[in-house]
Amino acid sequence: MKSPQVRAPEFPDALDWINTGGKPLRIVDLRGKLVLLDFW
């Protein structure tokens, strides 16, 4: 049985990014890469 595909929403424009050099991230830039989410 094939799992349904779930698309991640784009990040909101007003986020403060840490350790990205001030450059905002986009979901399309992360496609095919391993992503670790740290919720605290």
Protein backbone atom coordinates (compact mmCIF):
# COMPACT_ATOMS: atom_id res chain seq x y z
CA MET A 1 0.00 0.00 0.00
CA LYS A 2 1.45 3.35 -1.06
CA SER A 3 1.55 6.15 1.51
CA PRO A 4 -0.10 9.43 0.51
CA GLN A 5 2.27 12.29 -0.26
CA VAL A 6 2.13 15.19 2.15
CA ARG A 7 3.56 18.50 1.00
CA ALA A 8 5.20 20.75 3.56
CA PRO A 9 3.94 24.33 3.61
CA GLU A 10 6.36 27.14 2.76
CA PHE A 11 8.00 28.90 5.72
CA PRO A 12 6.33 32.18 6.83
CA ASP A 13 8.08 35.36 5.64
CA ALA A 14 8.48 36.89 9.11
CA LEU A 15 10.68 34.18 10.67
CA ASP A 16 14.00 35.04 12.34
CA TRP A 17 16.64 32.67 10.98
CA ILE A 18 19.58 31.54 13.12
CA ASN A 19 22.84 30.16 11.65
CA THR A 20 21.86 30.91 8.04
CA GLY A 21 23.78 34.16 7.68
CA GLY A 22 20.47 36.02 7.69
CA LYS A 23 19.39 34.29 4.48
CA PRO A 24 15.88 32.87 4.76
CA LEU A 25 15.37 29.21 3.90
CA ARG A 26 12.84 27.96 1.40
CA ILE A 27 11.31 24.49 1.21
CA VAL A 28 12.36 24.13 -2.43
CA ASP A 29 16.02 24.69 -1.42
CA LEU A 30 15.80 21.76 1.03
CA ARG A 31 14.33 19.22 -1.40
CA GLY A 32 16.42 16.05 -1.49
CA LYS A 33 18.44 17.02 1.59
CA LEU A 34 18.36 15.55 5.08
CA VAL A 35 16.66 18.05 7.42
CA LEU A 36 16.75 17.87 11.22
CA LEU A 37 14.04 19.81 13.06
CA ASP A 38 14.79 20.70 16.68
CA PHE A 39 11.72 21.76 18.65
CA TRP A 40 12.33 23.11 22.11
